[in-house]
Amino acid sequence: MKYFISFILILLLAGCNLFQKQQPAGESVASFWKEEVFVPMDKELYVLEDGVTELYVPEDGVTRYRSLDDSISTFTLSMGYKVRVIAQGERFYKTERGYIEKKDMGDWEALKSKMTGEVLVESIYGDISDTISKYLDIDQVSSEEYQEALKNKVDFLQRDTLAIVKKKGKLTFVCKQRTVYLKDDISELADKHFDMIYTYLGNIPAIDQYVVLEDTERSLAYILIDKTTGEKRRFEKFPFLSADKRYIINIGRDYYDLDRLISLYRIEHIQPLKIDTLVEGYTKSWDVYDLDKEPIFFSKNDYLYAPMNVLSNFFDEHNNPNKQRMYIKIGIRNQ
């Protein structure tokens, strides 16, 4: 037994020595840390890839860092994350809380150059990126091209909002085969937070549909009502009809769970409307804006245009849509 205890003591002593080698102090620190001279600067830069590592500043405040292969506290940053750089060395930038490799950082133009069509398509949840590339081309365009395309915006929605008036909280749609009613659901109970309000937006004669906005306190959705059958179809975002009237694209952020939707539907028949779902996915690292002055729209050239941004730069410091943004166009491949 005494030999066994002695063996355990030897292991414990060896373990303590090993720990001391892994966590050196004083002069021995130099064997684990490489010194680098940092030149002061003050600049905001962006992370250029997802999963970039920021090394945490040690508590002693010494401007040295371990090899990336060694154990050290880190932060994982996403693409587009804005970082204030306070100094630069040969290989690393120094930030207010740590160090980031210079190859992983760049200015706004460098970030924009990273958002290629391939990256935009690959940034889709699930195993559907192959399906996306089969049906859609997504490319970044300049602000000038976006504004020029906006001059040729195609809008099939007829906003005849007075044609169907709500009475006692109920909208009535007289279709050929049946009548459809949509009634507001409003509760006076304090613990009910999901009041549902319906608003008639107009109709799309090109596909023979009424369009209704469904508004709750936690979500928005759009309902198409077929003028022939009365069938209702629900879309999380506004259904944009392509210029050739053959497709519908649904894109944007769901207001309830913040999923970033992108869907494509092919119109197979009108009166009654029949559609086929070709793409149904979610973007991972980017999202689109739909603003009054910078909307999502189809242009006469049959491309859908939208302002967009990487998620980390989507809102500014005041939680408003960031004015520093990019633009994309989405083309539908002929099938």
C-alpha atoms as a PDB file:
ATOM      1  CA  MET A   1       0.000   0.000   0.000  1.00  0.00           C
ATOM      2  CA  LYS A   2       2.826   2.432   0.918  1.00  0.00           C
ATOM      3  CA  TYR A   3       4.343   1.862  -2.556  1.00  0.00           C
ATOM      4  CA  PHE A   4       0.987   2.647  -4.154  1.00  0.00           C
ATOM      5  CA  ILE A   5       0.678   5.872  -2.120  1.00  0.00           C
ATOM      6  CA  SER A   6       4.206   6.854  -3.057  1.00  0.00           C
ATOM      7  CA  PHE A   7       3.361   6.272  -6.741  1.00  0.00           C
ATOM      8  CA  ILE A   8       0.306   8.529  -6.455  1.00  0.00           C
ATOM      9  CA  LEU A   9       2.387  11.256  -4.791  1.00  0.00           C
ATOM     10  CA  ILE A  10       4.948  11.063  -7.583  1.00  0.00           C
ATOM     11  CA  LEU A  11       2.159  11.468 -10.186  1.00  0.00           C
ATOM     12  CA  LEU A  12       0.729  14.460  -8.338  1.00  0.00           C
ATOM     13  CA  LEU A  13       4.131  16.134  -8.123  1.00  0.00           C
ATOM     14  CA  ALA A  14       4.736  15.465 -11.798  1.00  0.00           C
ATOM     15  CA  GLY A  15       1.308  16.903 -12.591  1.00  0.00           C
ATOM     16  CA  CYS A  16       2.091  20.078 -10.684  1.00  0.00           C
ATOM     17  CA  ASN A  17       5.363  20.491 -12.564  1.00  0.00           C
ATOM     18  CA  LEU A  18       3.590  19.897 -15.869  1.00  0.00           C
ATOM     19  CA  PHE A  19       0.978  22.511 -14.996  1.00  0.00           C
ATOM     20  CA  GLN A  20       3.680  24.982 -14.129  1.00  0.00           C
ATOM     21  CA  LYS A  21       5.240  24.440 -17.543  1.00  0.00           C
ATOM     22  CA  GLN A  22       1.891  25.020 -19.227  1.00  0.00           C
ATOM     23  CA  GLN A  23       1.211  28.164 -17.235  1.00  0.00           C
ATOM     24  CA  PRO A  24       4.692  29.760 -16.824  1.00  0.00           C
ATOM     25  CA  ALA A  25       5.328  32.987 -14.926  1.00  0.00           C
ATOM     26  CA  GLY A  26       8.100  35.567 -14.935  1.00  0.00           C
ATOM     27  CA  GLU A  27      10.896  34.988 -17.458  1.00  0.00           C
ATOM     28  CA  SER A  28       9.425  31.650 -18.609  1.00  0.00           C
ATOM     29  CA  VAL A  29       6.488  33.466 -20.244  1.00  0.00           C
ATOM     30  CA  ALA A  30       8.737  34.359 -23.156  1.00  0.00           C
ATOM     31  CA  SER A  31       8.882  30.735 -24.247  1.00  0.00           C
ATOM     32  CA  PHE A  32       5.141  30.758 -24.956  1.00  0.00           C
ATOM     33  CA  TRP A  33       4.534  34.322 -26.153  1.00  0.00           C
ATOM     34  CA  LYS A  34       5.906  36.027 -29.207  1.00  0.00           C
ATOM     35  CA  GLU A  35       6.539  39.743 -28.860  1.00  0.00           C
ATOM     36  CA  GLU A  36       5.352  42.136 -31.546  1.00  0.00           C
ATOM     37  CA  VAL A  37       5.730  45.894 -31.857  1.00  0.00           C
ATOM     38  CA  PHE A  38       2.364  47.653 -32.207  1.00  0.00           C
ATOM     39  CA  VAL A  39       1.984  51.067 -33.822  1.00  0.00           C
ATOM     40  CA  PRO A  40      -0.957  53.131 -32.489  1.00  0.00           C
ATOM     41  CA  MET A  41      -3.872  53.759 -34.861  1.00  0.00           C
ATOM     42  CA  ASP A  42      -7.601  54.462 -34.579  1.00  0.00           C
ATOM     43  CA  LYS A  43      -9.745  52.898 -37.298  1.00  0.00           C
ATOM     44  CA  GLU A  44     -12.921  50.877 -37.705  1.00  0.00           C
ATOM     45  CA  LEU A  45     -12.534  47.701 -39.741  1.00  0.00           C
ATOM     46  CA  TYR A  46     -14.776  44.740 -40.561  1.00  0.00           C
ATOM     47  CA  VAL A  47     -14.410  41.008 -40.086  1.00  0.00           C
ATOM     48  CA  LEU A  48     -14.153  39.419 -43.548  1.00  0.00           C
ATOM     49  CA  GLU A  49     -15.109  35.807 -42.751  1.00  0.00           C
ATOM     50  CA  ASP A  50     -17.422  33.931 -40.407  1.00  0.00           C
ATOM     51  CA  GLY A  51     -15.755  32.308 -37.419  1.00  0.00           C
ATOM     52  CA  VAL A  52     -12.831  34.720 -37.078  1.00  0.00           C
ATOM     53  CA  THR A  53     -11.026  34.436 -33.735  1.00  0.00           C
ATOM     54  CA  GLU A  54     -10.255  37.395 -31.495  1.00  0.00           C
ATOM     55  CA  LEU A  55      -7.603  36.602 -28.862  1.00  0.00           C
ATOM     56  CA  TYR A  56      -8.384  37.985 -25.425  1.00  0.00           C
ATOM     57  CA  VAL A  57      -6.005  40.474 -23.793  1.00  0.00           C
ATOM     58  CA  PRO A  58      -4.270  38.839 -20.782  1.00  0.00           C
ATOM     59  CA  GLU A  59      -5.011  40.303 -17.374  1.00  0.00           C
ATOM     60  CA  ASP A  60      -1.464  41.614 -16.983  1.00  0.00           C
ATOM     61  CA  GLY A  61      -2.096  43.853 -20.004  1.00  0.00           C
ATOM     62  CA  VAL A  62       1.169  42.829 -21.700  1.00  0.00           C
ATOM     63  CA  THR A  63       0.947  43.381 -25.444  1.00  0.00           C
ATOM     64  CA  ARG A  64       1.977  39.848 -26.372  1.00  0.00           C
ATOM     65  CA  TYR A  65      -0.023  36.902 -27.630  1.00  0.00           C
ATOM     66  CA  ARG A  66       0.200  33.162 -27.750  1.00  0.00           C
ATOM     67  CA  SER A  67       0.365  31.082 -30.864  1.00  0.00           C
ATOM     68  CA  LEU A  68      -3.126  30.373 -32.180  1.00  0.00           C
ATOM     69  CA  ASP A  69      -2.484  26.697 -31.438  1.00  0.00           C
ATOM     70  CA  ASP A  70      -2.039  27.322 -27.693  1.00  0.00           C
ATOM     71  CA  SER A  71      -4.755  27.563 -25.076  1.00  0.00           C
ATOM     72  CA  ILE A  72      -6.043  31.134 -24.645  1.00  0.00           C
ATOM     73  CA  SER A  73      -9.398  32.842 -24.158  1.00  0.00           C
ATOM     74  CA  THR A  74     -11.001  33.803 -27.476  1.00  0.00           C
ATOM     75  CA  PHE A  75     -14.077  35.402 -29.015  1.00  0.00           C
ATOM     76  CA  THR A  76     -15.593  34.112 -32.262  1.00  0.00           C
ATOM     77  CA  LEU A  77     -16.712  36.904 -34.590  1.00  0.00           C
ATOM     78  CA  SER A  78     -19.087  36.763 -37.546  1.00  0.00           C
ATOM     79  CA  MET A  79     -18.652  38.230 -41.005  1.00  0.00           C
ATOM     80  CA  GLY A  80     -19.269  41.979 -41.107  1.00  0.00           C
ATOM     81  CA  TYR A  81     -18.695  42.561 -37.407  1.00  0.00           C
ATOM     82  CA  LYS A  82     -17.270  46.074 -36.925  1.00  0.00           C
ATOM     83  CA  VAL A  83     -14.184  46.336 -34.749  1.00  0.00           C
ATOM     84  CA  ARG A  84     -12.326  49.418 -33.503  1.00  0.00           C
ATOM     85  CA  VAL A  85      -8.603  48.900 -34.055  1.00  0.00           C
ATOM     86  CA  ILE A  86      -6.267  50.834 -31.749  1.00  0.00           C
ATOM     87  CA  ALA A  87      -2.876  49.555 -32.959  1.00  0.00           C
ATOM     88  CA  GLN A  88      -1.325  47.321 -35.599  1.00  0.00           C
ATOM     89  CA  GLY A  89       1.638  45.008 -35.682  1.00  0.00           C
ATOM     90  CA  GLU A  90       3.165  42.892 -38.394  1.00  0.00           C
ATOM     91  CA  ARG A  91       0.601  40.097 -38.185  1.00  0.00           C
ATOM     92  CA  PHE A  92      -2.073  41.253 -35.748  1.00  0.00           C
ATOM     93  CA  TYR A  93      -4.362  44.192 -35.123  1.00  0.00           C
ATOM     94  CA  LYS A  94      -4.803  45.194 -31.510  1.00  0.00           C
ATOM     95  CA  THR A  95      -8.409  45.915 -30.517  1.00  0.00           C
ATOM     96  CA  GLU A  96      -9.931  47.318 -27.365  1.00  0.00           C
ATOM     97  CA  ARG A  97     -10.149  43.842 -25.880  1.00  0.00           C
ATOM     98  CA  GLY A  98      -7.717  41.632 -27.755  1.00  0.00           C
ATOM     99  CA  TYR A  99      -5.968  40.786 -31.015  1.00  0.00           C
ATOM    100  CA  ILE A 100      -7.198  39.753 -34.493  1.00  0.00           C
ATOM    101  CA  GLU A 101      -5.096  38.554 -37.391  1.00  0.00           C
ATOM    102  CA  LYS A 102      -4.788  41.280 -40.024  1.00  0.00           C
ATOM    103  CA  LYS A 103      -5.669  38.906 -42.860  1.00  0.00           C
ATOM    104  CA  ASP A 104      -9.156  38.515 -41.348  1.00  0.00           C
ATOM    105  CA  MET A 105      -9.932  42.250 -41.316  1.00  0.00           C
ATOM    106  CA  GLY A 106     -10.609  44.898 -43.964  1.00  0.00           C
ATOM    107  CA  ASP A 107     -12.418  48.125 -44.757  1.00  0.00           C
ATOM    108  CA  TRP A 108     -15.953  48.443 -46.150  1.00  0.00           C
ATOM    109  CA  GLU A 109     -14.865  47.951 -49.754  1.00  0.00           C
ATOM    110  CA  ALA A 110     -12.986  44.790 -48.789  1.00  0.00           C
ATOM    111  CA  LEU A 111     -16.111  43.444 -47.071  1.00  0.00           C
ATOM    112  CA  LYS A 112     -18.241  44.244 -50.118  1.00  0.00           C
ATOM    113  CA  SER A 113     -15.807  42.408 -52.380  1.00  0.00           C
ATOM    114  CA  LYS A 114     -16.303  39.283 -50.264  1.00  0.00           C
ATOM    115  CA  MET A 115     -20.046  39.184 -50.991  1.00  0.00           C
ATOM    116  CA  THR A 116     -19.757  37.426 -54.335  1.00  0.00           C
ATOM    117  CA  GLY A 117     -22.610  35.590 -56.004  1.00  0.00           C
ATOM    118  CA  GLU A 118     -21.110  32.301 -54.844  1.00  0.00           C
ATOM    119  CA  VAL A 119     -20.998  33.440 -51.216  1.00  0.00           C
ATOM    120  CA  LEU A 120     -24.564  34.782 -51.376  1.00  0.00           C
ATOM    121  CA  VAL A 121     -25.871  31.490 -52.755  1.00  0.00           C
ATOM    122  CA  GLU A 122     -23.841  29.304 -50.401  1.00  0.00           C
ATOM    123  CA  SER A 123     -25.104  31.273 -47.397  1.00  0.00           C
ATOM    124  CA  ILE A 124     -28.345  29.332 -47.247  1.00  0.00           C
ATOM    125  CA  TYR A 125     -29.579  27.150 -44.379  1.00  0.00           C
ATOM    126  CA  GLY A 126     -29.827  23.422 -44.971  1.00  0.00           C
ATOM    127  CA  ASP A 127     -28.823  21.316 -47.952  1.00  0.00           C
ATOM    128  CA  ILE A 128     -30.599  23.415 -50.540  1.00  0.00           C
ATOM    129  CA  SER A 129     -27.791  25.612 -51.897  1.00  0.00           C
ATOM    130  CA  ASP A 130     -27.607  23.308 -54.933  1.00  0.00           C
ATOM    131  CA  THR A 131     -31.321  23.908 -55.462  1.00  0.00           C
ATOM    132  CA  ILE A 132     -30.829  27.656 -55.091  1.00  0.00           C
ATOM    133  CA  SER A 133     -28.095  27.715 -57.731  1.00  0.00           C
ATOM    134  CA  LYS A 134     -30.251  25.557 -59.996  1.00  0.00           C
ATOM    135  CA  TYR A 135     -33.057  28.113 -60.059  1.00  0.00           C
ATOM    136  CA  LEU A 136     -31.575  31.455 -58.977  1.00  0.00           C
ATOM    137  CA  ASP A 137     -28.612  33.702 -59.742  1.00  0.00           C
ATOM    138  CA  ILE A 138     -27.804  36.115 -56.900  1.00  0.00           C
ATOM    139  CA  ASP A 139     -25.241  38.850 -57.506  1.00  0.00           C
ATOM    140  CA  GLN A 140     -24.171  42.074 -55.838  1.00  0.00           C
ATOM    141  CA  VAL A 141     -24.754  45.260 -57.835  1.00  0.00           C
ATOM    142  CA  SER A 142     -23.806  48.894 -57.358  1.00  0.00           C
ATOM    143  CA  SER A 143     -26.075  51.513 -55.833  1.00  0.00           C
ATOM    144  CA  GLU A 144     -26.195  53.177 -59.256  1.00  0.00           C
ATOM    145  CA  GLU A 145     -27.451  50.019 -60.967  1.00  0.00           C
ATOM    146  CA  TYR A 146     -30.071  49.549 -58.243  1.00  0.00           C
ATOM    147  CA  GLN A 147     -31.337  53.129 -58.649  1.00  0.00           C
ATOM    148  CA  GLU A 148     -31.444  52.812 -62.449  1.00  0.00           C
ATOM    149  CA  ALA A 149     -33.443  49.583 -62.194  1.00  0.00           C
ATOM    150  CA  LEU A 150     -35.828  51.262 -59.734  1.00  0.00           C
ATOM    151  CA  LYS A 151     -36.854  53.660 -62.533  1.00  0.00           C
ATOM    152  CA  ASN A 152     -38.234  50.604 -64.371  1.00  0.00           C
ATOM    153  CA  LYS A 153     -39.959  49.036 -61.374  1.00  0.00           C
ATOM    154  CA  VAL A 154     -42.780  46.602 -62.169  1.00  0.00           C
ATOM    155  CA  ASP A 155     -45.710  46.618 -59.729  1.00  0.00           C
ATOM    156  CA  PHE A 156     -48.773  44.451 -60.394  1.00  0.00           C
ATOM    157  CA  LEU A 157     -50.643  45.359 -57.203  1.00  0.00           C
ATOM    158  CA  GLN A 158     -53.727  47.505 -57.799  1.00  0.00           C
ATOM    159  CA  ARG A 159     -54.319  49.380 -54.556  1.00  0.00           C
ATOM    160  CA  ASP A 160     -58.108  49.629 -54.732  1.00  0.00           C
ATOM    161  CA  THR A 161     -58.364  49.626 -50.956  1.00  0.00           C
ATOM    162  CA  LEU A 162     -61.838  51.167 -50.939  1.00  0.00           C
ATOM    163  CA  ALA A 163     -63.278  48.361 -53.069  1.00  0.00           C
ATOM    164  CA  ILE A 164     -63.517  46.063 -50.043  1.00  0.00           C
ATOM    165  CA  VAL A 165     -64.311  47.862 -46.798  1.00  0.00           C
ATOM    166  CA  LYS A 166     -64.150  46.294 -43.365  1.00  0.00           C
ATOM    167  CA  LYS A 167     -67.498  46.167 -41.543  1.00  0.00           C
ATOM    168  CA  LYS A 168     -67.663  45.367 -37.840  1.00  0.00           C
ATOM    169  CA  GLY A 169     -64.102  44.070 -37.970  1.00  0.00           C
ATOM    170  CA  LYS A 170     -64.769  41.754 -40.900  1.00  0.00           C
ATOM    171  CA  LEU A 171     -63.564  41.721 -44.529  1.00  0.00           C
ATOM    172  CA  THR A 172     -65.782  39.971 -47.079  1.00  0.00           C
ATOM    173  CA  PHE A 173     -64.463  38.559 -50.374  1.00  0.00           C
ATOM    174  CA  VAL A 174     -67.101  37.350 -52.819  1.00  0.00           C
ATOM    175  CA  CYS A 175     -65.354  34.792 -55.013  1.00  0.00           C
ATOM    176  CA  LYS A 176     -66.906  32.794 -57.851  1.00  0.00           C
ATOM    177  CA  GLN A 177     -67.226  29.535 -55.921  1.00  0.00           C
ATOM    178  CA  ARG A 178     -67.605  30.794 -52.348  1.00  0.00           C
ATOM    179  CA  THR A 179     -67.449  33.800 -50.069  1.00  0.00           C
ATOM    180  CA  VAL A 180     -64.424  34.244 -47.797  1.00  0.00           C
ATOM    181  CA  TYR A 181     -64.539  36.136 -44.491  1.00  0.00           C
ATOM    182  CA  LEU A 182     -61.571  37.433 -42.518  1.00  0.00           C
ATOM    183  CA  LYS A 183     -62.527  38.729 -39.092  1.00  0.00           C
ATOM    184  CA  ASP A 184     -60.253  40.645 -36.745  1.00  0.00           C
ATOM    185  CA  ASP A 185     -59.542  38.833 -33.484  1.00  0.00           C
ATOM    186  CA  ILE A 186     -59.197  41.438 -30.761  1.00  0.00           C
ATOM    187  CA  SER A 187     -59.356  40.602 -27.092  1.00  0.00           C
ATOM    188  CA  GLU A 188     -59.817  42.898 -24.120  1.00  0.00           C
ATOM    189  CA  LEU A 189     -58.008  40.407 -21.882  1.00  0.00           C
ATOM    190  CA  ALA A 190     -54.764  41.752 -20.460  1.00  0.00           C
ATOM    191  CA  ASP A 191     -52.949  38.421 -20.832  1.00  0.00           C
ATOM    192  CA  LYS A 192     -53.707  38.057 -24.540  1.00  0.00           C
ATOM    193  CA  HIS A 193     -50.935  39.430 -26.731  1.00  0.00           C
ATOM    194  CA  PHE A 194     -51.805  38.039 -30.125  1.00  0.00           C
ATOM    195  CA  ASP A 195     -54.575  40.244 -31.502  1.00  0.00           C
ATOM    196  CA  MET A 196     -54.968  39.645 -35.228  1.00  0.00           C
ATOM    197  CA  ILE A 197     -55.866  42.479 -37.617  1.00  0.00           C
ATOM    198  CA  TYR A 198     -56.605  42.088 -41.345  1.00  0.00           C
ATOM    199  CA  THR A 199     -56.098  44.895 -43.855  1.00  0.00           C
ATOM    200  CA  TYR A 200     -57.100  44.749 -47.511  1.00  0.00           C
ATOM    201  CA  LEU A 201     -54.174  45.960 -49.643  1.00  0.00           C
ATOM    202  CA  GLY A 202     -55.614  45.530 -53.130  1.00  0.00           C
ATOM    203  CA  ASN A 203     -55.636  42.900 -55.863  1.00  0.00           C
ATOM    204  CA  ILE A 204     -53.289  41.458 -58.493  1.00  0.00           C
ATOM    205  CA  PRO A 205     -55.311  41.034 -61.706  1.00  0.00           C
ATOM    206  CA  ALA A 206     -52.404  39.287 -63.454  1.00  0.00           C
ATOM    207  CA  ILE A 207     -52.884  36.214 -61.234  1.00  0.00           C
ATOM    208  CA  ASP A 208     -56.490  36.900 -60.165  1.00  0.00           C
ATOM    209  CA  GLN A 209     -55.800  37.302 -56.432  1.00  0.00           C
ATOM    210  CA  TYR A 210     -56.874  39.543 -53.592  1.00  0.00           C
ATOM    211  CA  VAL A 211     -54.049  40.604 -51.239  1.00  0.00           C
ATOM    212  CA  VAL A 212     -54.532  40.967 -47.483  1.00  0.00           C
ATOM    213  CA  LEU A 213     -52.087  41.900 -44.729  1.00  0.00           C
ATOM    214  CA  GLU A 214     -52.344  39.808 -41.555  1.00  0.00           C
ATOM    215  CA  ASP A 215     -50.943  41.745 -38.613  1.00  0.00           C
ATOM    216  CA  THR A 216     -50.431  40.450 -35.101  1.00  0.00           C
ATOM    217  CA  GLU A 217     -48.354  41.979 -32.340  1.00  0.00           C
ATOM    218  CA  ARG A 218     -45.535  39.546 -33.101  1.00  0.00           C
ATOM    219  CA  SER A 219     -45.732  38.837 -36.830  1.00  0.00           C
ATOM    220  CA  LEU A 220     -46.788  40.047 -40.249  1.00  0.00           C
ATOM    221  CA  ALA A 221     -47.927  37.891 -43.142  1.00  0.00           C
ATOM    222  CA  TYR A 222     -49.576  38.290 -46.532  1.00  0.00           C
ATOM    223  CA  ILE A 223     -52.588  36.302 -47.691  1.00  0.00           C
ATOM    224  CA  LEU A 224     -53.547  35.724 -51.324  1.00  0.00           C
ATOM    225  CA  ILE A 225     -57.218  34.884 -51.875  1.00  0.00           C
ATOM    226  CA  ASP A 226     -58.120  33.272 -55.181  1.00  0.00           C
ATOM    227  CA  LYS A 227     -60.987  35.124 -56.864  1.00  0.00           C
ATOM    228  CA  THR A 228     -62.275  31.865 -58.365  1.00  0.00           C
ATOM    229  CA  THR A 229     -62.052  29.263 -55.592  1.00  0.00           C
ATOM    230  CA  GLY A 230     -61.604  31.435 -52.503  1.00  0.00           C
ATOM    231  CA  GLU A 231     -58.479  29.443 -51.594  1.00  0.00           C
ATOM    232  CA  LYS A 232     -56.136  31.267 -49.199  1.00  0.00           C
ATOM    233  CA  ARG A 233     -52.347  31.142 -49.452  1.00  0.00           C
ATOM    234  CA  ARG A 234     -50.188  32.606 -46.694  1.00  0.00           C
ATOM    235  CA  PHE A 235     -46.742  34.135 -47.306  1.00  0.00           C
ATOM    236  CA  GLU A 236     -44.373  35.350 -44.595  1.00  0.00           C
ATOM    237  CA  LYS A 237     -43.294  38.294 -46.785  1.00  0.00           C
ATOM    238  CA  PHE A 238     -44.905  40.122 -49.691  1.00  0.00           C
ATOM    239  CA  PRO A 239     -45.225  37.853 -52.754  1.00  0.00           C
ATOM    240  CA  PHE A 240     -43.355  39.647 -55.566  1.00  0.00           C
ATOM    241  CA  LEU A 241     -44.627  38.662 -59.031  1.00  0.00           C
ATOM    242  CA  SER A 242     -41.918  38.520 -61.694  1.00  0.00           C
ATOM    243  CA  ALA A 243     -42.116  40.802 -64.720  1.00  0.00           C
ATOM    244  CA  ASP A 244     -42.947  37.867 -67.023  1.00  0.00           C
ATOM    245  CA  LYS A 245     -45.717  36.792 -64.572  1.00  0.00           C
ATOM    246  CA  ARG A 246     -44.325  33.265 -64.343  1.00  0.00           C
ATOM    247  CA  TYR A 247     -42.794  33.280 -60.840  1.00  0.00           C
ATOM    248  CA  ILE A 248     -43.264  34.592 -57.301  1.00  0.00           C
ATOM    249  CA  ILE A 249     -40.346  35.404 -55.002  1.00  0.00           C
ATOM    250  CA  ASN A 250     -40.747  35.694 -51.243  1.00  0.00           C
ATOM    251  CA  ILE A 251     -37.748  37.221 -49.488  1.00  0.00           C
ATOM    252  CA  GLY A 252     -37.026  39.044 -46.234  1.00  0.00           C
ATOM    253  CA  ARG A 253     -37.093  38.718 -42.476  1.00  0.00           C
ATOM    254  CA  ASP A 254     -39.925  37.069 -40.619  1.00  0.00           C
ATOM    255  CA  TYR A 255     -40.980  39.504 -37.898  1.00  0.00           C
ATOM    256  CA  TYR A 256     -41.695  36.823 -35.309  1.00  0.00           C
ATOM    257  CA  ASP A 257     -38.648  34.531 -35.237  1.00  0.00           C
ATOM    258  CA  LEU A 258     -36.330  36.704 -37.399  1.00  0.00           C
ATOM    259  CA  ASP A 259     -35.731  33.895 -39.890  1.00  0.00           C
ATOM    260  CA  ARG A 260     -34.416  35.293 -43.163  1.00  0.00           C
ATOM    261  CA  LEU A 261     -36.627  33.799 -45.836  1.00  0.00           C
ATOM    262  CA  ILE A 262     -35.979  33.195 -49.501  1.00  0.00           C
ATOM    263  CA  SER A 263     -38.504  31.248 -51.561  1.00  0.00           C
ATOM    264  CA  LEU A 264     -39.315  30.790 -55.238  1.00  0.00           C
ATOM    265  CA  TYR A 265     -42.636  29.613 -56.669  1.00  0.00           C
ATOM    266  CA  ARG A 266     -43.516  28.816 -60.263  1.00  0.00           C
ATOM    267  CA  ILE A 267     -47.012  29.673 -61.520  1.00  0.00           C
ATOM    268  CA  GLU A 268     -48.475  26.613 -63.205  1.00  0.00           C
ATOM    269  CA  HIS A 269     -52.024  27.864 -63.826  1.00  0.00           C
ATOM    270  CA  ILE A 270     -54.269  30.923 -63.353  1.00  0.00           C
ATOM    271  CA  GLN A 271     -58.024  30.872 -62.653  1.00  0.00           C
ATOM    272  CA  PRO A 272     -57.684  29.081 -60.383  1.00  0.00           C
ATOM    273  CA  LEU A 273     -54.122  29.796 -59.324  1.00  0.00           C
ATOM    274  CA  LYS A 274     -51.804  26.819 -59.005  1.00  0.00           C
ATOM    275  CA  ILE A 275     -48.201  27.278 -57.919  1.00  0.00           C
ATOM    276  CA  ASP A 276     -45.258  24.927 -57.473  1.00  0.00           C
ATOM    277  CA  THR A 277     -42.634  25.511 -54.760  1.00  0.00           C
ATOM    278  CA  LEU A 278     -39.134  25.405 -56.272  1.00  0.00           C
ATOM    279  CA  VAL A 279     -37.016  26.889 -53.477  1.00  0.00           C
ATOM    280  CA  GLU A 280     -37.732  27.330 -49.787  1.00  0.00           C
ATOM    281  CA  GLY A 281     -34.804  28.345 -47.609  1.00  0.00           C
ATOM    282  CA  TYR A 282     -33.216  30.762 -45.165  1.00  0.00           C
ATOM    283  CA  THR A 283     -30.170  32.972 -45.597  1.00  0.00           C
ATOM    284  CA  LYS A 284     -27.491  32.603 -42.910  1.00  0.00           C
ATOM    285  CA  SER A 285     -25.197  35.613 -43.029  1.00  0.00           C
ATOM    286  CA  TRP A 286     -27.163  38.288 -44.932  1.00  0.00           C
ATOM    287  CA  ASP A 287     -30.611  39.791 -45.116  1.00  0.00           C
ATOM    288  CA  VAL A 288     -32.524  42.292 -47.270  1.00  0.00           C
ATOM    289  CA  TYR A 289     -34.171  45.601 -46.417  1.00  0.00           C
ATOM    290  CA  ASP A 290     -37.576  46.634 -47.767  1.00  0.00           C
ATOM    291  CA  LEU A 291     -37.787  50.393 -47.211  1.00  0.00           C
ATOM    292  CA  ASP A 292     -40.047  53.105 -48.617  1.00  0.00           C
ATOM    293  CA  LYS A 293     -37.229  54.838 -50.500  1.00  0.00           C
ATOM    294  CA  GLU A 294     -35.254  51.670 -51.180  1.00  0.00           C
ATOM    295  CA  PRO A 295     -37.763  48.857 -51.701  1.00  0.00           C
ATOM    296  CA  ILE A 296     -37.576  45.294 -52.948  1.00  0.00           C
ATOM    297  CA  PHE A 297     -38.920  45.187 -56.518  1.00  0.00           C
ATOM    298  CA  PHE A 298     -38.891  43.479 -59.868  1.00  0.00           C
ATOM    299  CA  SER A 299     -37.620  45.571 -62.760  1.00  0.00           C
ATOM    300  CA  LYS A 300     -38.590  45.303 -66.406  1.00  0.00           C
ATOM    301  CA  ASN A 301     -35.427  43.285 -67.068  1.00  0.00           C
ATOM    302  CA  ASP A 302     -36.988  40.489 -64.930  1.00  0.00           C
ATOM    303  CA  TYR A 303     -34.463  40.786 -62.095  1.00  0.00           C
ATOM    304  CA  LEU A 304     -35.556  41.280 -58.514  1.00  0.00           C
ATOM    305  CA  TYR A 305     -33.536  44.016 -56.771  1.00  0.00           C
ATOM    306  CA  ALA A 306     -33.081  44.593 -53.041  1.00  0.00           C
ATOM    307  CA  PRO A 307     -30.911  46.528 -50.587  1.00  0.00           C
ATOM    308  CA  MET A 308     -29.056  44.115 -48.307  1.00  0.00           C
ATOM    309  CA  ASN A 309     -26.413  43.778 -45.633  1.00  0.00           C
ATOM    310  CA  VAL A 310     -24.486  41.213 -43.667  1.00  0.00           C
ATOM    311  CA  LEU A 311     -26.248  40.478 -40.383  1.00  0.00           C
ATOM    312  CA  SER A 312     -23.541  41.927 -38.153  1.00  0.00           C
ATOM    313  CA  ASN A 313     -23.873  45.272 -39.958  1.00  0.00           C
ATOM    314  CA  PHE A 314     -27.648  45.203 -40.568  1.00  0.00           C
ATOM    315  CA  PHE A 315     -28.495  47.781 -37.881  1.00  0.00           C
ATOM    316  CA  ASP A 316     -26.513  50.823 -36.777  1.00  0.00           C
ATOM    317  CA  GLU A 317     -25.625  51.750 -33.195  1.00  0.00           C
ATOM    318  CA  HIS A 318     -29.139  53.211 -32.741  1.00  0.00           C
ATOM    319  CA  ASN A 319     -30.771  49.953 -33.919  1.00  0.00           C
ATOM    320  CA  ASN A 320     -31.951  51.564 -37.167  1.00  0.00           C
ATOM    321  CA  PRO A 321     -31.400  50.107 -40.655  1.00  0.00           C
ATOM    322  CA  ASN A 322     -27.762  50.795 -41.437  1.00  0.00           C
ATOM    323  CA  LYS A 323     -27.342  53.372 -44.201  1.00  0.00           C
ATOM    324  CA  GLN A 324     -24.058  51.739 -45.120  1.00  0.00           C
ATOM    325  CA  ARG A 325     -25.430  48.851 -47.141  1.00  0.00           C
ATOM    326  CA  MET A 326     -25.100  46.791 -50.317  1.00  0.00           C
ATOM    327  CA  TYR A 327     -27.467  45.867 -53.152  1.00  0.00           C
ATOM    328  CA  ILE A 328     -28.249  42.615 -54.939  1.00  0.00           C
ATOM    329  CA  LYS A 329     -30.176  41.410 -57.949  1.00  0.00           C
ATOM    330  CA  ILE A 330     -31.787  37.987 -58.213  1.00  0.00           C
ATOM    331  CA  GLY A 331     -32.298  36.384 -61.595  1.00  0.00           C
ATOM    332  CA  ILE A 332     -34.468  33.351 -62.275  1.00  0.00           C
ATOM    333  CA  ARG A 333     -32.903  30.671 -64.429  1.00  0.00           C
ATOM    334  CA  ASN A 334     -35.031  29.478 -67.336  1.00  0.00           C
ATOM    335  CA  GLN A 335     -36.338  25.968 -66.714  1.00  0.00           C
END
